[in-house]
Amino acid sequence: MTSYNQKIVAFLTSNGISKDDITIGTPDTYNATTNQYSSGNFKYNYSLSCTVTVNTAKVKEVKELIGRQSELLKEGIPFSNSYINYQYTLLNDIKPAMIADATKNAREAAAQFAKDSGSQVGKMKTANQGQFSIDDTSNPSVKKVRVVSQPKKAPRQTDYLTAQN
C-alpha cells in the first residue's frame, strides 16, 4: 500500500499539487470472510484501502488530474472512485457587498409594500445579518451564495395593515 501511495503522491506533485496539500489517510481493513452474502471463494481474506485527499485552491488542476486517473491504472494502482468536494472559502470577502445588496433590496421591497398599502416605512429599529447559504449548482465546482437579511422596523401605527369586509 505504501508504494501505491508514493506513486499517487508523485503523480500529484509532478503535476503541480503541493505535497502540503496532500493527506494520506490511515488504511481501512475489510475482512471478506465476515460478509454473510459472499460466496466464500476468496483469493485473499482481507483487503486494504486508503484514502488520499487533496485540499487545494487549484480546482482547475485537480479536475484535469481526475481525468488522467487512467495513468495510475496503467501503473497498476487500483482506485475505486474519485469523490470531489468543493468548498467555498471566501465568504468573508464578499459578505459586506452581499449585506449591502440585501439591505438595499429589503429597503426597496419595504418602500413598495408601504406604497401599495398607503403606509409609510418607519426607521429601522434593529436588523440581524441574516443567513448566508452556499449551495451547489448544476456544476459542483460553481457555488451559489445568497443572503437573506431580516430588518426590523420600529413599530408605528401606519406599519400595520388591516383588512375590512
C-alpha atoms as a PDB file:
ATOM      1  CA  MET A   1       0.000   0.000   0.000  1.00  0.00           C
ATOM      2  CA  THR A   2       2.864   2.372   0.790  1.00  0.00           C
ATOM      3  CA  SER A   3       4.270   2.055  -2.728  1.00  0.00           C
ATOM      4  CA  TYR A   4       0.828   2.857  -4.189  1.00  0.00           C
ATOM      5  CA  ASN A   5       0.561   5.942  -2.007  1.00  0.00           C
ATOM      6  CA  GLN A   6       4.052   7.061  -3.000  1.00  0.00           C
ATOM      7  CA  LYS A   7       3.167   6.724  -6.694  1.00  0.00           C
ATOM      8  CA  ILE A   8      -0.062   8.670  -6.211  1.00  0.00           C
ATOM      9  CA  VAL A   9       1.768  11.459  -4.361  1.00  0.00           C
ATOM     10  CA  ALA A  10       4.434  11.524  -7.095  1.00  0.00           C
ATOM     11  CA  PHE A  11       1.700  11.768  -9.751  1.00  0.00           C
ATOM     12  CA  LEU A  12       0.069  14.672  -7.930  1.00  0.00           C
ATOM     13  CA  THR A  13       3.248  16.596  -7.090  1.00  0.00           C
ATOM     14  CA  SER A  14       4.695  16.172 -10.580  1.00  0.00           C
ATOM     15  CA  ASN A  15       1.520  17.816 -11.869  1.00  0.00           C
ATOM     16  CA  GLY A  16       1.632  20.937  -9.709  1.00  0.00           C
ATOM     17  CA  ILE A  17      -0.027  19.864  -6.456  1.00  0.00           C
ATOM     18  CA  SER A  18       1.959  20.799  -3.352  1.00  0.00           C
ATOM     19  CA  LYS A  19       2.886  17.978  -1.004  1.00  0.00           C
ATOM     20  CA  ASP A  20       1.443  20.133   1.806  1.00  0.00           C
ATOM     21  CA  ASP A  21      -1.979  19.870   0.111  1.00  0.00           C
ATOM     22  CA  ILE A  22      -1.947  16.048   0.118  1.00  0.00           C
ATOM     23  CA  THR A  23      -3.077  13.911   3.048  1.00  0.00           C
ATOM     24  CA  ILE A  24      -2.873  10.139   3.182  1.00  0.00           C
ATOM     25  CA  GLY A  25      -5.450   8.582   5.476  1.00  0.00           C
ATOM     26  CA  THR A  26      -4.995   5.528   7.635  1.00  0.00           C
ATOM     27  CA  PRO A  27      -5.679   2.198   5.925  1.00  0.00           C
ATOM     28  CA  ASP A  28      -9.131   0.637   6.220  1.00  0.00           C
ATOM     29  CA  THR A  29      -9.254  -3.125   6.532  1.00  0.00           C
ATOM     30  CA  TYR A  30     -12.088  -5.234   5.133  1.00  0.00           C
ATOM     31  CA  ASN A  31     -12.448  -8.869   6.177  1.00  0.00           C
ATOM     32  CA  ALA A  32     -14.193 -10.597   3.262  1.00  0.00           C
ATOM     33  CA  THR A  33     -14.897 -13.732   5.287  1.00  0.00           C
ATOM     34  CA  THR A  34     -17.301 -11.815   7.551  1.00  0.00           C
ATOM     35  CA  ASN A  35     -19.601 -10.856   4.674  1.00  0.00           C
ATOM     36  CA  GLN A  36     -22.666 -13.073   5.081  1.00  0.00           C
ATOM     37  CA  TYR A  37     -23.615 -12.637   1.427  1.00  0.00           C
ATOM     38  CA  SER A  38     -20.286 -13.745  -0.051  1.00  0.00           C
ATOM     39  CA  SER A  39     -19.732 -16.979  -1.955  1.00  0.00           C
ATOM     40  CA  GLY A  40     -16.749 -17.920   0.180  1.00  0.00           C
ATOM     41  CA  ASN A  41     -14.310 -18.140  -2.740  1.00  0.00           C
ATOM     42  CA  PHE A  42     -11.633 -15.648  -1.799  1.00  0.00           C
ATOM     43  CA  LYS A  43      -8.201 -15.221  -3.209  1.00  0.00           C
ATOM     44  CA  TYR A  44      -7.494 -13.023  -0.191  1.00  0.00           C
ATOM     45  CA  ASN A  45      -9.415 -12.865   3.059  1.00  0.00           C
ATOM     46  CA  TYR A  46      -8.601  -9.229   3.693  1.00  0.00           C
ATOM     47  CA  SER A  47      -8.414  -6.136   1.570  1.00  0.00           C
ATOM     48  CA  LEU A  48      -6.923  -2.786   2.466  1.00  0.00           C
ATOM     49  CA  SER A  49      -7.913   0.594   1.173  1.00  0.00           C
ATOM     50  CA  CYS A  50      -6.550   4.030   1.802  1.00  0.00           C
ATOM     51  CA  THR A  51      -7.904   7.489   1.038  1.00  0.00           C
ATOM     52  CA  VAL A  52      -5.661  10.132  -0.469  1.00  0.00           C
ATOM     53  CA  THR A  53      -7.078  13.631  -0.032  1.00  0.00           C
ATOM     54  CA  VAL A  54      -6.068  16.787  -1.880  1.00  0.00           C
ATOM     55  CA  ASN A  55      -7.103  20.052  -0.239  1.00  0.00           C
ATOM     56  CA  THR A  56      -6.130  22.887  -2.556  1.00  0.00           C
ATOM     57  CA  ALA A  57      -7.356  26.027  -4.254  1.00  0.00           C
ATOM     58  CA  LYS A  58      -6.100  24.632  -7.581  1.00  0.00           C
ATOM     59  CA  VAL A  59      -9.526  23.469  -8.718  1.00  0.00           C
ATOM     60  CA  LYS A  60      -8.720  23.500 -12.431  1.00  0.00           C
ATOM     61  CA  GLU A  61      -5.594  21.381 -11.968  1.00  0.00           C
ATOM     62  CA  VAL A  62      -7.361  18.807  -9.797  1.00  0.00           C
ATOM     63  CA  LYS A  63     -10.216  18.485 -12.302  1.00  0.00           C
ATOM     64  CA  GLU A  64      -7.639  17.826 -15.017  1.00  0.00           C
ATOM     65  CA  LEU A  65      -5.872  15.196 -12.891  1.00  0.00           C
ATOM     66  CA  ILE A  66      -9.151  13.405 -12.188  1.00  0.00           C
ATOM     67  CA  GLY A  67      -9.498  12.974 -15.944  1.00  0.00           C
ATOM     68  CA  ARG A  68      -5.999  11.478 -16.088  1.00  0.00           C
ATOM     69  CA  GLN A  69      -6.510   8.768 -13.441  1.00  0.00           C
ATOM     70  CA  SER A  70      -6.103   6.091 -16.085  1.00  0.00           C
ATOM     71  CA  GLU A  71      -2.371   6.869 -15.950  1.00  0.00           C
ATOM     72  CA  LEU A  72      -2.393   5.471 -12.411  1.00  0.00           C
ATOM     73  CA  LEU A  73      -4.248   2.361 -13.562  1.00  0.00           C
ATOM     74  CA  LYS A  74      -1.567   1.781 -16.209  1.00  0.00           C
ATOM     75  CA  GLU A  75       0.967   1.697 -13.356  1.00  0.00           C
ATOM     76  CA  GLY A  76      -1.119  -0.958 -11.588  1.00  0.00           C
ATOM     77  CA  ILE A  77      -2.578   1.352  -8.971  1.00  0.00           C
ATOM     78  CA  PRO A  78      -6.217   0.436  -8.364  1.00  0.00           C
ATOM     79  CA  PHE A  79      -8.738   3.011  -7.237  1.00  0.00           C
ATOM     80  CA  SER A  80     -12.427   2.798  -6.554  1.00  0.00           C
ATOM     81  CA  ASN A  81     -13.686   6.331  -7.022  1.00  0.00           C
ATOM     82  CA  SER A  82     -12.724   9.954  -7.030  1.00  0.00           C
ATOM     83  CA  TYR A  83     -15.075  11.919  -4.861  1.00  0.00           C
ATOM     84  CA  ILE A  84     -14.676  15.661  -5.222  1.00  0.00           C
ATOM     85  CA  ASN A  85     -15.981  18.050  -2.617  1.00  0.00           C
ATOM     86  CA  TYR A  86     -15.733  21.732  -3.448  1.00  0.00           C
ATOM     87  CA  GLN A  87     -15.709  24.207  -0.584  1.00  0.00           C
ATOM     88  CA  TYR A  88     -16.285  27.927  -0.872  1.00  0.00           C
ATOM     89  CA  THR A  89     -13.828  29.655   1.461  1.00  0.00           C
ATOM     90  CA  LEU A  90     -14.103  33.336   0.544  1.00  0.00           C
ATOM     91  CA  LEU A  91     -17.419  34.204   2.198  1.00  0.00           C
ATOM     92  CA  ASN A  92     -15.880  36.909   4.371  1.00  0.00           C
ATOM     93  CA  ASP A  93     -14.523  38.613   1.233  1.00  0.00           C
ATOM     94  CA  ILE A  94     -17.960  39.001  -0.349  1.00  0.00           C
ATOM     95  CA  LYS A  95     -20.075  39.331   2.804  1.00  0.00           C
ATOM     96  CA  PRO A  96     -20.041  43.183   3.081  1.00  0.00           C
ATOM     97  CA  ALA A  97     -21.233  43.698  -0.505  1.00  0.00           C
ATOM     98  CA  MET A  98     -23.870  40.988  -0.138  1.00  0.00           C
ATOM     99  CA  ILE A  99     -25.235  42.540   3.057  1.00  0.00           C
ATOM    100  CA  ALA A 100     -25.329  45.949   1.368  1.00  0.00           C
ATOM    101  CA  ASP A 101     -27.267  44.498  -1.582  1.00  0.00           C
ATOM    102  CA  ALA A 102     -29.646  42.600   0.698  1.00  0.00           C
ATOM    103  CA  THR A 103     -30.311  45.735   2.777  1.00  0.00           C
ATOM    104  CA  LYS A 104     -30.950  47.792  -0.368  1.00  0.00           C
ATOM    105  CA  ASN A 105     -33.339  45.159  -1.701  1.00  0.00           C
ATOM    106  CA  ALA A 106     -35.165  44.959   1.638  1.00  0.00           C
ATOM    107  CA  ARG A 107     -35.483  48.744   1.718  1.00  0.00           C
ATOM    108  CA  GLU A 108     -36.928  48.786  -1.816  1.00  0.00           C
ATOM    109  CA  ALA A 109     -39.346  45.968  -1.007  1.00  0.00           C
ATOM    110  CA  ALA A 110     -40.499  47.728   2.178  1.00  0.00           C
ATOM    111  CA  ALA A 111     -40.989  51.001   0.277  1.00  0.00           C
ATOM    112  CA  GLN A 112     -43.075  49.228  -2.378  1.00  0.00           C
ATOM    113  CA  PHE A 113     -45.087  47.396   0.258  1.00  0.00           C
ATOM    114  CA  ALA A 114     -45.731  50.662   2.108  1.00  0.00           C
ATOM    115  CA  LYS A 115     -46.694  52.462  -1.118  1.00  0.00           C
ATOM    116  CA  ASP A 116     -49.111  49.708  -2.139  1.00  0.00           C
ATOM    117  CA  SER A 117     -50.749  49.730   1.289  1.00  0.00           C
ATOM    118  CA  GLY A 118     -50.882  53.512   1.748  1.00  0.00           C
ATOM    119  CA  SER A 119     -48.405  53.307   4.616  1.00  0.00           C
ATOM    120  CA  GLN A 120     -45.012  54.715   5.368  1.00  0.00           C
ATOM    121  CA  VAL A 121     -41.835  52.890   6.219  1.00  0.00           C
ATOM    122  CA  GLY A 122     -40.561  53.681   9.682  1.00  0.00           C
ATOM    123  CA  LYS A 123     -36.982  53.911  10.858  1.00  0.00           C
ATOM    124  CA  MET A 124     -35.110  50.675  11.182  1.00  0.00           C
ATOM    125  CA  LYS A 125     -35.076  49.635  14.789  1.00  0.00           C
ATOM    126  CA  THR A 126     -32.813  46.580  14.582  1.00  0.00           C
ATOM    127  CA  ALA A 127     -31.540  44.197  11.983  1.00  0.00           C
ATOM    128  CA  ASN A 128     -29.726  40.929  12.004  1.00  0.00           C
ATOM    129  CA  GLN A 129     -27.204  39.867   9.453  1.00  0.00           C
ATOM    130  CA  GLY A 130     -29.449  37.177   8.070  1.00  0.00           C
ATOM    131  CA  GLN A 131     -28.468  33.752   6.938  1.00  0.00           C
ATOM    132  CA  PHE A 132     -25.886  33.013   4.274  1.00  0.00           C
ATOM    133  CA  SER A 133     -26.309  29.873   2.259  1.00  0.00           C
ATOM    134  CA  ILE A 134     -23.771  28.294  -0.067  1.00  0.00           C
ATOM    135  CA  ASP A 135     -25.394  25.819  -2.431  1.00  0.00           C
ATOM    136  CA  ASP A 136     -24.285  23.673  -5.316  1.00  0.00           C
ATOM    137  CA  THR A 137     -25.395  24.460  -8.826  1.00  0.00           C
ATOM    138  CA  SER A 138     -25.650  22.002 -11.712  1.00  0.00           C
ATOM    139  CA  ASN A 139     -21.849  22.349 -11.876  1.00  0.00           C
ATOM    140  CA  PRO A 140     -20.478  21.227  -8.476  1.00  0.00           C
ATOM    141  CA  SER A 141     -17.404  23.447  -8.802  1.00  0.00           C
ATOM    142  CA  VAL A 142     -19.663  26.542  -9.019  1.00  0.00           C
ATOM    143  CA  LYS A 143     -21.435  27.611  -5.851  1.00  0.00           C
ATOM    144  CA  LYS A 144     -24.468  29.857  -5.401  1.00  0.00           C
ATOM    145  CA  VAL A 145     -24.056  32.149  -2.403  1.00  0.00           C
ATOM    146  CA  ARG A 146     -27.038  34.070  -1.088  1.00  0.00           C
ATOM    147  CA  VAL A 147     -28.044  36.020   1.975  1.00  0.00           C
ATOM    148  CA  VAL A 148     -31.448  36.692   3.465  1.00  0.00           C
ATOM    149  CA  SER A 149     -31.478  39.756   5.708  1.00  0.00           C
ATOM    150  CA  GLN A 150     -34.252  40.476   8.143  1.00  0.00           C
ATOM    151  CA  PRO A 151     -34.534  44.153   9.054  1.00  0.00           C
ATOM    152  CA  LYS A 152     -36.989  45.030  11.806  1.00  0.00           C
ATOM    153  CA  LYS A 153     -38.813  48.337  11.747  1.00  0.00           C
ATOM    154  CA  ALA A 154     -39.695  50.466  14.721  1.00  0.00           C
ATOM    155  CA  PRO A 155     -43.422  49.967  15.266  1.00  0.00           C
ATOM    156  CA  ARG A 156     -45.650  52.775  14.007  1.00  0.00           C
ATOM    157  CA  GLN A 157     -49.370  52.837  13.586  1.00  0.00           C
ATOM    158  CA  THR A 158     -49.009  53.125   9.808  1.00  0.00           C
ATOM    159  CA  ASP A 159     -46.902  49.973   9.747  1.00  0.00           C
ATOM    160  CA  TYR A 160     -49.944  47.802  10.442  1.00  0.00           C
ATOM    161  CA  LEU A 161     -52.404  46.750   7.790  1.00  0.00           C
ATOM    162  CA  THR A 162     -55.964  45.839   8.481  1.00  0.00           C
ATOM    163  CA  ALA A 163     -58.476  44.292   6.171  1.00  0.00           C
ATOM    164  CA  GLN A 164     -62.133  45.222   6.387  1.00  0.00           C
ATOM    165  CA  ASN A 165     -65.025  43.246   4.902  1.00  0.00           C
END
